[in-house]
Amino acid sequence: MVRDGYYYGLTFIAAGILLGWLTRPAWAIIPFLLAAFFLQFFRDPERVIPADPGAVVSPGDGKVTDVVVGNDKRLRISIFLNVFNVHVNRSPISGVLREVKYVRGKFVNAEHRDR
């Protein structure tokens, strides 16, 4: 579990207990459902990494929405994560990060290719 999941989950559990105690118990259902959602959203399951030389592992769960091969043999694979996917991203291969480039978002559906 990612640390943020505990913060959100336990906060909503405490709110549900307090709300159920101060009002009617039925009002506690909403915070308990939100707690369950956050605990599910921030989960971090163990993954089996293959020992094969040259193996590349997917950095995250989700749906591959775009694959682009650049002119200098760079490869970009876009993966869309919905709310039910594990939102922990891992390094797919070992290596050194040489550049980080920020691209401002367009506030469109992330699943579309035309970003």
PDB file of N, CA and C in Angstrom:
ATOM      1  N   MET A   1       0.846  -1.177   0.000  1.00  0.00           N
ATOM      2  CA  MET A   1       0.000   0.000   0.000  1.00  0.00           C
ATOM      3  C   MET A   1       0.887   1.236   0.000  1.00  0.00           C
ATOM      4  N   VAL A   2       0.563   2.157  -0.861  1.00  0.00           N
ATOM      5  CA  VAL A   2       1.266   3.433  -0.894  1.00  0.00           C
ATOM      6  C   VAL A   2       0.824   4.247   0.334  1.00  0.00           C
ATOM      7  N   ARG A   3       1.737   4.977   0.912  1.00  0.00           N
ATOM      8  CA  ARG A   3       1.486   5.706   2.157  1.00  0.00           C
ATOM      9  C   ARG A   3       0.242   6.597   2.085  1.00  0.00           C
ATOM     10  N   ASP A   4       0.001   7.266   0.959  1.00  0.00           N
ATOM     11  CA  ASP A   4      -1.168   8.136   0.826  1.00  0.00           C
ATOM     12  C   ASP A   4      -2.474   7.373   1.000  1.00  0.00           C
ATOM     13  N   GLY A   5      -2.486   6.114   0.600  1.00  0.00           N
ATOM     14  CA  GLY A   5      -3.688   5.296   0.758  1.00  0.00           C
ATOM     15  C   GLY A   5      -4.081   5.143   2.211  1.00  0.00           C
ATOM     16  N   TYR A   6      -3.094   4.977   3.077  1.00  0.00           N
ATOM     17  CA  TYR A   6      -3.394   4.882   4.511  1.00  0.00           C
ATOM     18  C   TYR A   6      -3.964   6.193   5.038  1.00  0.00           C
ATOM     19  N   TYR A   7      -3.377   7.322   4.616  1.00  0.00           N
ATOM     20  CA  TYR A   7      -3.859   8.622   5.087  1.00  0.00           C
ATOM     21  C   TYR A   7      -5.327   8.839   4.705  1.00  0.00           C
ATOM     22  N   TYR A   8      -5.639   8.662   3.427  1.00  0.00           N
ATOM     23  CA  TYR A   8      -7.011   8.876   2.975  1.00  0.00           C
ATOM     24  C   TYR A   8      -7.955   7.820   3.543  1.00  0.00           C
ATOM     25  N   GLY A   9      -7.538   6.565   3.474  1.00  0.00           N
ATOM     26  CA  GLY A   9      -8.400   5.480   3.936  1.00  0.00           C
ATOM     27  C   GLY A   9      -8.731   5.588   5.415  1.00  0.00           C
ATOM     28  N   LEU A  10      -7.714   5.783   6.250  1.00  0.00           N
ATOM     29  CA  LEU A  10      -7.960   5.875   7.700  1.00  0.00           C
ATOM     30  C   LEU A  10      -8.740   7.130   8.067  1.00  0.00           C
ATOM     31  N   THR A  11      -8.515   8.216   7.339  1.00  0.00           N
ATOM     32  CA  THR A  11      -9.278   9.443   7.594  1.00  0.00           C
ATOM     33  C   THR A  11     -10.762   9.215   7.335  1.00  0.00           C
ATOM     34  N   PHE A  12     -11.091   8.556   6.207  1.00  0.00           N
ATOM     35  CA  PHE A  12     -12.499   8.305   5.903  1.00  0.00           C
ATOM     36  C   PHE A  12     -13.111   7.247   6.827  1.00  0.00           C
ATOM     37  N   ILE A  13     -12.319   6.293   7.285  1.00  0.00           N
ATOM     38  CA  ILE A  13     -12.830   5.328   8.264  1.00  0.00           C
ATOM     39  C   ILE A  13     -13.162   6.048   9.565  1.00  0.00           C
ATOM     40  N   ALA A  14     -12.261   6.919  10.012  1.00  0.00           N
ATOM     41  CA  ALA A  14     -12.521   7.686  11.239  1.00  0.00           C
ATOM     42  C   ALA A  14     -13.747   8.582  11.060  1.00  0.00           C
ATOM     43  N   ALA A  15     -13.868   9.215   9.892  1.00  0.00           N
ATOM     44  CA  ALA A  15     -15.039  10.066   9.630  1.00  0.00           C
ATOM     45  C   ALA A  15     -16.320   9.241   9.634  1.00  0.00           C
ATOM     46  N   GLY A  16     -16.260   8.046   9.079  1.00  0.00           N
ATOM     47  CA  GLY A  16     -17.440   7.181   9.070  1.00  0.00           C
ATOM     48  C   GLY A  16     -17.852   6.760  10.464  1.00  0.00           C
ATOM     49  N   ILE A  17     -16.871   6.408  11.293  1.00  0.00           N
ATOM     50  CA  ILE A  17     -17.175   6.027  12.680  1.00  0.00           C
ATOM     51  C   ILE A  17     -17.775   7.206  13.424  1.00  0.00           C
ATOM     52  N   LEU A  18     -17.164   8.371  13.292  1.00  0.00           N
ATOM     53  CA  LEU A  18     -17.663   9.565  13.977  1.00  0.00           C
ATOM     54  C   LEU A  18     -19.049   9.955  13.479  1.00  0.00           C
ATOM     55  N   LEU A  19     -19.242   9.929  12.175  1.00  0.00           N
ATOM     56  CA  LEU A  19     -20.531  10.288  11.593  1.00  0.00           C
ATOM     57  C   LEU A  19     -21.614   9.292  12.010  1.00  0.00           C
ATOM     58  N   GLY A  20     -21.285   8.008  12.006  1.00  0.00           N
ATOM     59  CA  GLY A  20     -22.248   6.992  12.423  1.00  0.00           C
ATOM     60  C   GLY A  20     -22.589   7.089  13.895  1.00  0.00           C
ATOM     61  N   TRP A  21     -21.628   7.519  14.691  1.00  0.00           N
ATOM     62  CA  TRP A  21     -21.860   7.633  16.129  1.00  0.00           C
ATOM     63  C   TRP A  21     -22.682   8.886  16.467  1.00  0.00           C
ATOM     64  N   LEU A  22     -22.391   9.997  15.772  1.00  0.00           N
ATOM     65  CA  LEU A  22     -23.083  11.254  16.060  1.00  0.00           C
ATOM     66  C   LEU A  22     -24.455  11.356  15.389  1.00  0.00           C
ATOM     67  N   THR A  23     -24.633  10.663  14.281  1.00  0.00           N
ATOM     68  CA  THR A  23     -25.914  10.720  13.566  1.00  0.00           C
ATOM     69  C   THR A  23     -26.450   9.298  13.456  1.00  0.00           C
ATOM     70  N   ARG A  24     -27.095   9.012  12.376  1.00  0.00           N
ATOM     71  CA  ARG A  24     -27.578   7.652  12.133  1.00  0.00           C
ATOM     72  C   ARG A  24     -26.463   6.816  11.511  1.00  0.00           C
ATOM     73  N   PRO A  25     -26.385   5.532  11.845  1.00  0.00           N
ATOM     74  CA  PRO A  25     -25.333   4.681  11.279  1.00  0.00           C
ATOM     75  C   PRO A  25     -25.348   4.615   9.747  1.00  0.00           C
ATOM     76  N   ALA A  26     -26.503   4.814   9.129  1.00  0.00           N
ATOM     77  CA  ALA A  26     -26.582   4.760   7.665  1.00  0.00           C
ATOM     78  C   ALA A  26     -25.728   5.847   7.011  1.00  0.00           C
ATOM     79  N   TRP A  27     -25.534   6.984   7.685  1.00  0.00           N
ATOM     80  CA  TRP A  27     -24.725   8.066   7.116  1.00  0.00           C
ATOM     81  C   TRP A  27     -23.245   7.686   7.043  1.00  0.00           C
ATOM     82  N   ALA A  28     -22.838   6.654   7.754  1.00  0.00           N
ATOM     83  CA  ALA A  28     -21.435   6.228   7.740  1.00  0.00           C
ATOM     84  C   ALA A  28     -21.091   5.452   6.472  1.00  0.00           C
ATOM     85  N   ILE A  29     -22.086   5.038   5.716  1.00  0.00           N
ATOM     86  CA  ILE A  29     -21.826   4.237   4.518  1.00  0.00           C
ATOM     87  C   ILE A  29     -20.974   5.003   3.511  1.00  0.00           C
ATOM     88  N   ILE A  30     -21.277   6.277   3.300  1.00  0.00           N
ATOM     89  CA  ILE A  30     -20.543   7.068   2.290  1.00  0.00           C
ATOM     90  C   ILE A  30     -19.059   7.177   2.638  1.00  0.00           C
ATOM     91  N   PRO A  31     -18.672   7.576   3.859  1.00  0.00           N
ATOM     92  CA  PRO A  31     -17.231   7.624   4.165  1.00  0.00           C
ATOM     93  C   PRO A  31     -16.567   6.244   4.103  1.00  0.00           C
ATOM     94  N   PHE A  32     -17.288   5.186   4.490  1.00  0.00           N
ATOM     95  CA  PHE A  32     -16.703   3.846   4.411  1.00  0.00           C
ATOM     96  C   PHE A  32     -16.475   3.422   2.966  1.00  0.00           C
ATOM     97  N   LEU A  33     -17.392   3.779   2.061  1.00  0.00           N
ATOM     98  CA  LEU A  33     -17.206   3.482   0.644  1.00  0.00           C
ATOM     99  C   LEU A  33     -16.021   4.269   0.072  1.00  0.00           C
ATOM    100  N   LEU A  34     -15.886   5.532   0.484  1.00  0.00           N
ATOM    101  CA  LEU A  34     -14.735   6.330   0.038  1.00  0.00           C
ATOM    102  C   LEU A  34     -13.430   5.752   0.580  1.00  0.00           C
ATOM    103  N   ALA A  35     -13.448   5.278   1.825  1.00  0.00           N
ATOM    104  CA  ALA A  35     -12.253   4.642   2.398  1.00  0.00           C
ATOM    105  C   ALA A  35     -11.878   3.403   1.598  1.00  0.00           C
ATOM    106  N   ALA A  36     -12.861   2.586   1.259  1.00  0.00           N
ATOM    107  CA  ALA A  36     -12.594   1.380   0.464  1.00  0.00           C
ATOM    108  C   ALA A  36     -12.028   1.747  -0.906  1.00  0.00           C
ATOM    109  N   PHE A  37     -12.576   2.798  -1.520  1.00  0.00           N
ATOM    110  CA  PHE A  37     -12.073   3.240  -2.819  1.00  0.00           C
ATOM    111  C   PHE A  37     -10.611   3.650  -2.728  1.00  0.00           C
ATOM    112  N   PHE A  38     -10.247   4.475  -1.746  1.00  0.00           N
ATOM    113  CA  PHE A  38      -8.874   4.948  -1.633  1.00  0.00           C
ATOM    114  C   PHE A  38      -7.909   3.823  -1.277  1.00  0.00           C
ATOM    115  N   LEU A  39      -8.344   2.888  -0.436  1.00  0.00           N
ATOM    116  CA  LEU A  39      -7.478   1.763  -0.110  1.00  0.00           C
ATOM    117  C   LEU A  39      -7.251   0.876  -1.334  1.00  0.00           C
ATOM    118  N   GLN A  40      -8.250   0.767  -2.188  1.00  0.00           N
ATOM    119  CA  GLN A  40      -8.114  -0.007  -3.424  1.00  0.00           C
ATOM    120  C   GLN A  40      -7.274   0.753  -4.444  1.00  0.00           C
ATOM    121  N   PHE A  41      -7.461   2.050  -4.544  1.00  0.00           N
ATOM    122  CA  PHE A  41      -6.769   2.881  -5.532  1.00  0.00           C
ATOM    123  C   PHE A  41      -5.260   2.920  -5.281  1.00  0.00           C
ATOM    124  N   PHE A  42      -4.846   3.009  -4.033  1.00  0.00           N
ATOM    125  CA  PHE A  42      -3.436   3.169  -3.687  1.00  0.00           C
ATOM    126  C   PHE A  42      -2.740   1.846  -3.349  1.00  0.00           C
ATOM    127  N   ARG A  43      -3.311   0.725  -3.751  1.00  0.00           N
ATOM    128  CA  ARG A  43      -2.680  -0.554  -3.445  1.00  0.00           C
ATOM    129  C   ARG A  43      -1.373  -0.695  -4.233  1.00  0.00           C
ATOM    130  N   ASP A  44      -0.473  -1.526  -3.718  1.00  0.00           N
ATOM    131  CA  ASP A  44       0.832  -1.742  -4.351  1.00  0.00           C
ATOM    132  C   ASP A  44       1.175  -3.225  -4.284  1.00  0.00           C
ATOM    133  N   PRO A  45       0.577  -4.038  -5.173  1.00  0.00           N
ATOM    134  CA  PRO A  45       0.842  -5.481  -5.110  1.00  0.00           C
ATOM    135  C   PRO A  45       2.250  -5.821  -5.575  1.00  0.00           C
ATOM    136  N   GLU A  46       2.767  -6.932  -5.064  1.00  0.00           N
ATOM    137  CA  GLU A  46       4.083  -7.415  -5.489  1.00  0.00           C
ATOM    138  C   GLU A  46       3.984  -7.938  -6.920  1.00  0.00           C
ATOM    139  N   ARG A  47       5.000  -7.708  -7.707  1.00  0.00           N
ATOM    140  CA  ARG A  47       5.051  -8.178  -9.082  1.00  0.00           C
ATOM    141  C   ARG A  47       6.209  -9.173  -9.241  1.00  0.00           C
ATOM    142  N   VAL A  48       5.997 -10.178 -10.067  1.00  0.00           N
ATOM    143  CA  VAL A  48       7.048 -11.135 -10.377  1.00  0.00           C
ATOM    144  C   VAL A  48       7.819 -10.599 -11.580  1.00  0.00           C
ATOM    145  N   ILE A  49       9.109 -10.360 -11.394  1.00  0.00           N
ATOM    146  CA  ILE A  49       9.951  -9.821 -12.445  1.00  0.00           C
ATOM    147  C   ILE A  49      10.699 -10.998 -13.093  1.00  0.00           C
ATOM    148  N   PRO A  50      10.582 -11.175 -14.406  1.00  0.00           N
ATOM    149  CA  PRO A  50      11.288 -12.289 -15.050  1.00  0.00           C
ATOM    150  C   PRO A  50      12.795 -12.095 -15.003  1.00  0.00           C
ATOM    151  N   ALA A  51      13.504 -13.201 -14.886  1.00  0.00           N
ATOM    152  CA  ALA A  51      14.968 -13.150 -14.808  1.00  0.00           C
ATOM    153  C   ALA A  51      15.612 -13.232 -16.184  1.00  0.00           C
ATOM    154  N   ASP A  52      14.836 -13.228 -17.246  1.00  0.00           N
ATOM    155  CA  ASP A  52      15.369 -13.329 -18.599  1.00  0.00           C
ATOM    156  C   ASP A  52      16.208 -12.098 -18.931  1.00  0.00           C
ATOM    157  N   PRO A  53      17.401 -12.300 -19.513  1.00  0.00           N
ATOM    158  CA  PRO A  53      18.202 -11.134 -19.911  1.00  0.00           C
ATOM    159  C   PRO A  53      17.497 -10.348 -21.014  1.00  0.00           C
ATOM    160  N   GLY A  54      17.471  -9.026 -20.867  1.00  0.00           N
ATOM    161  CA  GLY A  54      16.847  -8.163 -21.861  1.00  0.00           C
ATOM    162  C   GLY A  54      15.341  -8.050 -21.728  1.00  0.00           C
ATOM    163  N   ALA A  55      14.776  -8.633 -20.686  1.00  0.00           N
ATOM    164  CA  ALA A  55      13.327  -8.563 -20.502  1.00  0.00           C
ATOM    165  C   ALA A  55      12.912  -7.143 -20.134  1.00  0.00           C
ATOM    166  N   VAL A  56      11.803  -6.711 -20.677  1.00  0.00           N
ATOM    167  CA  VAL A  56      11.245  -5.403 -20.366  1.00  0.00           C
ATOM    168  C   VAL A  56       9.880  -5.646 -19.736  1.00  0.00           C
ATOM    169  N   VAL A  57       9.642  -5.034 -18.585  1.00  0.00           N
ATOM    170  CA  VAL A  57       8.403  -5.219 -17.849  1.00  0.00           C
ATOM    171  C   VAL A  57       7.567  -3.960 -17.978  1.00  0.00           C
ATOM    172  N   SER A  58       6.270  -4.120 -18.109  1.00  0.00           N
ATOM    173  CA  SER A  58       5.389  -2.961 -18.199  1.00  0.00           C
ATOM    174  C   SER A  58       5.529  -2.105 -16.940  1.00  0.00           C
ATOM    175  N   PRO A  59       5.663  -0.783 -17.086  1.00  0.00           N
ATOM    176  CA  PRO A  59       5.823   0.078 -15.920  1.00  0.00           C
ATOM    177  C   PRO A  59       4.544   0.231 -15.105  1.00  0.00           C
ATOM    178  N   GLY A  60       3.401  -0.085 -15.693  1.00  0.00           N
ATOM    179  CA  GLY A  60       2.145   0.075 -14.963  1.00  0.00           C
ATOM    180  C   GLY A  60       1.032  -0.748 -15.569  1.00  0.00           C
ATOM    181  N   ASP A  61      -0.021  -0.912 -14.798  1.00  0.00           N
ATOM    182  CA  ASP A  61      -1.215  -1.588 -15.300  1.00  0.00           C
ATOM    183  C   ASP A  61      -1.947  -0.632 -16.232  1.00  0.00           C
ATOM    184  N   GLY A  62      -2.861  -1.142 -17.013  1.00  0.00           N
ATOM    185  CA  GLY A  62      -3.661  -0.265 -17.853  1.00  0.00           C
ATOM    186  C   GLY A  62      -3.724  -0.735 -19.278  1.00  0.00           C
ATOM    187  N   LYS A  63      -4.152   0.177 -20.135  1.00  0.00           N
ATOM    188  CA  LYS A  63      -4.362  -0.105 -21.548  1.00  0.00           C
ATOM    189  C   LYS A  63      -3.357   0.686 -22.376  1.00  0.00           C
ATOM    190  N   VAL A  64      -2.626  -0.008 -23.245  1.00  0.00           N
ATOM    191  CA  VAL A  64      -1.683   0.672 -24.136  1.00  0.00           C
ATOM    192  C   VAL A  64      -2.505   1.430 -25.169  1.00  0.00           C
ATOM    193  N   THR A  65      -2.330   2.751 -25.212  1.00  0.00           N
ATOM    194  CA  THR A  65      -3.131   3.580 -26.111  1.00  0.00           C
ATOM    195  C   THR A  65      -2.339   4.115 -27.306  1.00  0.00           C
ATOM    196  N   ASP A  66      -1.004   4.113 -27.212  1.00  0.00           N
ATOM    197  CA  ASP A  66      -0.215   4.689 -28.294  1.00  0.00           C
ATOM    198  C   ASP A  66       1.210   4.165 -28.221  1.00  0.00           C
ATOM    199  N   VAL A  67       1.795   3.877 -29.372  1.00  0.00           N
ATOM    200  CA  VAL A  67       3.201   3.480 -29.468  1.00  0.00           C
ATOM    201  C   VAL A  67       3.830   4.340 -30.547  1.00  0.00           C
ATOM    202  N   VAL A  68       4.906   5.069 -30.206  1.00  0.00           N
ATOM    203  CA  VAL A  68       5.580   5.965 -31.145  1.00  0.00           C
ATOM    204  C   VAL A  68       7.062   5.643 -31.141  1.00  0.00           C
ATOM    205  N   VAL A  69       7.616   5.424 -32.335  1.00  0.00           N
ATOM    206  CA  VAL A  69       9.054   5.209 -32.477  1.00  0.00           C
ATOM    207  C   VAL A  69       9.633   6.485 -33.067  1.00  0.00           C
ATOM    208  N   GLY A  70      10.577   7.097 -32.348  1.00  0.00           N
ATOM    209  CA  GLY A  70      11.176   8.349 -32.801  1.00  0.00           C
ATOM    210  C   GLY A  70      12.240   8.128 -33.851  1.00  0.00           C
ATOM    211  N   ASN A  71      12.757   9.217 -34.414  1.00  0.00           N
ATOM    212  CA  ASN A  71      13.781   9.153 -35.456  1.00  0.00           C
ATOM    213  C   ASN A  71      15.097   8.584 -34.950  1.00  0.00           C
ATOM    214  N   ASP A  72      15.426   8.837 -33.680  1.00  0.00           N
ATOM    215  CA  ASP A  72      16.704   8.367 -33.131  1.00  0.00           C
ATOM    216  C   ASP A  72      16.519   7.095 -32.295  1.00  0.00           C
ATOM    217  N   LYS A  73      15.604   6.224 -32.719  1.00  0.00           N
ATOM    218  CA  LYS A  73      15.342   4.919 -32.114  1.00  0.00           C
ATOM    219  C   LYS A  73      14.777   4.995 -30.698  1.00  0.00           C
ATOM    220  N   ARG A  74      14.242   6.142 -30.331  1.00  0.00           N
ATOM    221  CA  ARG A  74      13.560   6.227 -29.043  1.00  0.00           C
ATOM    222  C   ARG A  74      12.155   5.683 -29.212  1.00  0.00           C
ATOM    223  N   LEU A  75      11.634   5.124 -28.148  1.00  0.00           N
ATOM    224  CA  LEU A  75      10.307   4.530 -28.181  1.00  0.00           C
ATOM    225  C   LEU A  75       9.467   5.137 -27.065  1.00  0.00           C
ATOM    226  N   ARG A  76       8.239   5.525 -27.399  1.00  0.00           N
ATOM    227  CA  ARG A  76       7.311   6.017 -26.375  1.00  0.00           C
ATOM    228  C   ARG A  76       6.072   5.146 -26.414  1.00  0.00           C
ATOM    229  N   ILE A  77       5.738   4.597 -25.259  1.00  0.00           N
ATOM    230  CA  ILE A  77       4.534   3.792 -25.132  1.00  0.00           C
ATOM    231  C   ILE A  77       3.637   4.495 -24.126  1.00  0.00           C
ATOM    232  N   SER A  78       2.431   4.863 -24.548  1.00  0.00           N
ATOM    233  CA  SER A  78       1.483   5.537 -23.662  1.00  0.00           C
ATOM    234  C   SER A  78       0.534   4.501 -23.083  1.00  0.00           C
ATOM    235  N   ILE A  79       0.374   4.553 -21.767  1.00  0.00           N
ATOM    236  CA  ILE A  79      -0.510   3.622 -21.071  1.00  0.00           C
ATOM    237  C   ILE A  79      -1.545   4.422 -20.300  1.00  0.00           C
ATOM    238  N   PHE A  80      -2.831   4.149 -20.559  1.00  0.00           N
ATOM    239  CA  PHE A  80      -3.921   4.829 -19.860  1.00  0.00           C
ATOM    240  C   PHE A  80      -4.305   4.019 -18.638  1.00  0.00           C
ATOM    241  N   LEU A  81      -4.321   4.666 -17.467  1.00  0.00           N
ATOM    242  CA  LEU A  81      -4.723   4.024 -16.221  1.00  0.00           C
ATOM    243  C   LEU A  81      -6.104   4.535 -15.827  1.00  0.00           C
ATOM    244  N   ASN A  82      -7.071   3.628 -15.696  1.00  0.00           N
ATOM    245  CA  ASN A  82      -8.372   4.056 -15.183  1.00  0.00           C
ATOM    246  C   ASN A  82      -8.352   3.940 -13.662  1.00  0.00           C
ATOM    247  N   VAL A  83      -9.424   4.298 -12.994  1.00  0.00           N
ATOM    248  CA  VAL A  83      -9.426   4.332 -11.531  1.00  0.00           C
ATOM    249  C   VAL A  83      -9.314   2.953 -10.906  1.00  0.00           C
ATOM    250  N   PHE A  84      -9.539   1.885 -11.664  1.00  0.00           N
ATOM    251  CA  PHE A  84      -9.469   0.540 -11.116  1.00  0.00           C
ATOM    252  C   PHE A  84      -8.097  -0.100 -11.301  1.00  0.00           C
ATOM    253  N   ASN A  85      -7.206   0.529 -12.071  1.00  0.00           N
ATOM    254  CA  ASN A  85      -5.852   0.011 -12.257  1.00  0.00           C
ATOM    255  C   ASN A  85      -4.970   0.398 -11.083  1.00  0.00           C
ATOM    256  N   VAL A  86      -3.889  -0.365 -10.895  1.00  0.00           N
ATOM    257  CA  VAL A  86      -2.888  -0.022  -9.885  1.00  0.00           C
ATOM    258  C   VAL A  86      -2.150   1.217 -10.379  1.00  0.00           C
ATOM    259  N   HIS A  87      -2.080   2.262  -9.556  1.00  0.00           N
ATOM    260  CA  HIS A  87      -1.461   3.526  -9.964  1.00  0.00           C
ATOM    261  C   HIS A  87      -0.021   3.675  -9.476  1.00  0.00           C
ATOM    262  N   VAL A  88       0.652   2.574  -9.253  1.00  0.00           N
ATOM    263  CA  VAL A  88       2.067   2.597  -8.914  1.00  0.00           C
ATOM    264  C   VAL A  88       2.819   2.286 -10.191  1.00  0.00           C
ATOM    265  N   ASN A  89       3.719   3.161 -10.583  1.00  0.00           N
ATOM    266  CA  ASN A  89       4.526   2.949 -11.784  1.00  0.00           C
ATOM    267  C   ASN A  89       5.913   2.505 -11.378  1.00  0.00           C
ATOM    268  N   ARG A  90       6.439   1.545 -12.131  1.00  0.00           N
ATOM    269  CA  ARG A  90       7.749   0.984 -11.849  1.00  0.00           C
ATOM    270  C   ARG A  90       8.674   1.242 -13.037  1.00  0.00           C
ATOM    271  N   SER A  91       9.947   1.100 -12.810  1.00  0.00           N
ATOM    272  CA  SER A  91      10.925   1.241 -13.892  1.00  0.00           C
ATOM    273  C   SER A  91      10.922  -0.049 -14.715  1.00  0.00           C
ATOM    274  N   PRO A  92      10.654   0.042 -16.023  1.00  0.00           N
ATOM    275  CA  PRO A  92      10.562  -1.174 -16.827  1.00  0.00           C
ATOM    276  C   PRO A  92      11.913  -1.822 -17.134  1.00  0.00           C
ATOM    277  N   ILE A  93      12.984  -1.039 -17.106  1.00  0.00           N
ATOM    278  CA  ILE A  93      14.335  -1.554 -17.346  1.00  0.00           C
ATOM    279  C   ILE A  93      15.299  -0.766 -16.463  1.00  0.00           C
ATOM    280  N   SER A  94      16.503  -1.288 -16.303  1.00  0.00           N
ATOM    281  CA  SER A  94      17.501  -0.517 -15.560  1.00  0.00           C
ATOM    282  C   SER A  94      18.117   0.502 -16.510  1.00  0.00           C
ATOM    283  N   GLY A  95      18.641   1.575 -15.965  1.00  0.00           N
ATOM    284  CA  GLY A  95      19.239   2.590 -16.821  1.00  0.00           C
ATOM    285  C   GLY A  95      19.437   3.898 -16.089  1.00  0.00           C
ATOM    286  N   VAL A  96      19.838   4.916 -16.834  1.00  0.00           N
ATOM    287  CA  VAL A  96      20.084   6.248 -16.294  1.00  0.00           C
ATOM    288  C   VAL A  96      19.133   7.219 -16.974  1.00  0.00           C
ATOM    289  N   LEU A  97      18.450   8.026 -16.200  1.00  0.00           N
ATOM    290  CA  LEU A  97      17.556   9.048 -16.732  1.00  0.00           C
ATOM    291  C   LEU A  97      18.390  10.276 -17.071  1.00  0.00           C
ATOM    292  N   ARG A  98      18.392  10.671 -18.343  1.00  0.00           N
ATOM    293  CA  ARG A  98      19.225  11.782 -18.785  1.00  0.00           C
ATOM    294  C   ARG A  98      18.455  13.078 -18.967  1.00  0.00           C
ATOM    295  N   GLU A  99      17.162  12.990 -19.201  1.00  0.00           N
ATOM    296  CA  GLU A  99      16.392  14.202 -19.470  1.00  0.00           C
ATOM    297  C   GLU A  99      14.953  14.000 -19.016  1.00  0.00           C
ATOM    298  N   VAL A 100      14.379  15.041 -18.454  1.00  0.00           N
ATOM    299  CA  VAL A 100      12.960  15.058 -18.115  1.00  0.00           C
ATOM    300  C   VAL A 100      12.356  16.235 -18.853  1.00  0.00           C
ATOM    301  N   LYS A 101      11.303  15.982 -19.607  1.00  0.00           N
ATOM    302  CA  LYS A 101      10.667  17.041 -20.384  1.00  0.00           C
ATOM    303  C   LYS A 101       9.209  17.138 -19.964  1.00  0.00           C
ATOM    304  N   TYR A 102       8.805  18.303 -19.496  1.00  0.00           N
ATOM    305  CA  TYR A 102       7.424  18.536 -19.099  1.00  0.00           C
ATOM    306  C   TYR A 102       6.629  19.025 -20.310  1.00  0.00           C
ATOM    307  N   VAL A 103       5.509  18.370 -20.560  1.00  0.00           N
ATOM    308  CA  VAL A 103       4.622  18.781 -21.639  1.00  0.00           C
ATOM    309  C   VAL A 103       3.290  19.156 -20.997  1.00  0.00           C
ATOM    310  N   ARG A 104       2.900  20.395 -21.159  1.00  0.00           N
ATOM    311  CA  ARG A 104       1.674  20.894 -20.542  1.00  0.00           C
ATOM    312  C   ARG A 104       0.472  20.128 -21.092  1.00  0.00           C
ATOM    313  N   GLY A 105      -0.434  19.749 -20.206  1.00  0.00           N
ATOM    314  CA  GLY A 105      -1.619  19.000 -20.598  1.00  0.00           C
ATOM    315  C   GLY A 105      -2.639  19.850 -21.328  1.00  0.00           C
ATOM    316  N   LYS A 106      -3.511  19.176 -22.070  1.00  0.00           N
ATOM    317  CA  LYS A 106      -4.547  19.864 -22.826  1.00  0.00           C
ATOM    318  C   LYS A 106      -5.923  19.687 -22.203  1.00  0.00           C
ATOM    319  N   PHE A 107      -5.999  19.000 -21.053  1.00  0.00           N
ATOM    320  CA  PHE A 107      -7.253  18.782 -20.336  1.00  0.00           C
ATOM    321  C   PHE A 107      -8.295  18.093 -21.212  1.00  0.00           C
ATOM    322  N   VAL A 108      -7.857  17.039 -21.903  1.00  0.00           N
ATOM    323  CA  VAL A 108      -8.754  16.210 -22.700  1.00  0.00           C
ATOM    324  C   VAL A 108      -8.725  14.801 -22.122  1.00  0.00           C
ATOM    325  N   ASN A 109      -9.572  13.948 -22.618  1.00  0.00           N
ATOM    326  CA  ASN A 109      -9.601  12.568 -22.170  1.00  0.00           C
ATOM    327  C   ASN A 109      -8.239  11.933 -22.421  1.00  0.00           C
ATOM    328  N   ALA A 110      -7.622  11.414 -21.390  1.00  0.00           N
ATOM    329  CA  ALA A 110      -6.261  10.872 -21.493  1.00  0.00           C
ATOM    330  C   ALA A 110      -6.183   9.623 -22.353  1.00  0.00           C
ATOM    331  N   GLU A 111      -7.325   8.994 -22.604  1.00  0.00           N
ATOM    332  CA  GLU A 111      -7.321   7.763 -23.389  1.00  0.00           C
ATOM    333  C   GLU A 111      -7.214   8.033 -24.891  1.00  0.00           C
ATOM    334  N   HIS A 112      -7.452   9.279 -25.324  1.00  0.00           N
ATOM    335  CA  HIS A 112      -7.397   9.602 -26.743  1.00  0.00           C
ATOM    336  C   HIS A 112      -5.954   9.741 -27.211  1.00  0.00           C
ATOM    337  N   ARG A 113      -5.709   9.367 -28.438  1.00  0.00           N
ATOM    338  CA  ARG A 113      -4.350   9.451 -28.996  1.00  0.00           C
ATOM    339  C   ARG A 113      -3.944  10.879 -29.339  1.00  0.00           C
ATOM    340  N   ASP A 114      -4.866  11.722 -29.706  1.00  0.00           N
ATOM    341  CA  ASP A 114      -4.545  13.069 -30.182  1.00  0.00           C
ATOM    342  C   ASP A 114      -4.292  14.033 -29.025  1.00  0.00           C
ATOM    343  N   ARG A 115      -3.232  13.790 -28.280  1.00  0.00           N
ATOM    344  CA  ARG A 115      -2.889  14.642 -27.148  1.00  0.00           C
ATOM    345  C   ARG A 115      -1.781  15.584 -27.545  1.00  0.00           C
TER     346      ARG A 115
END
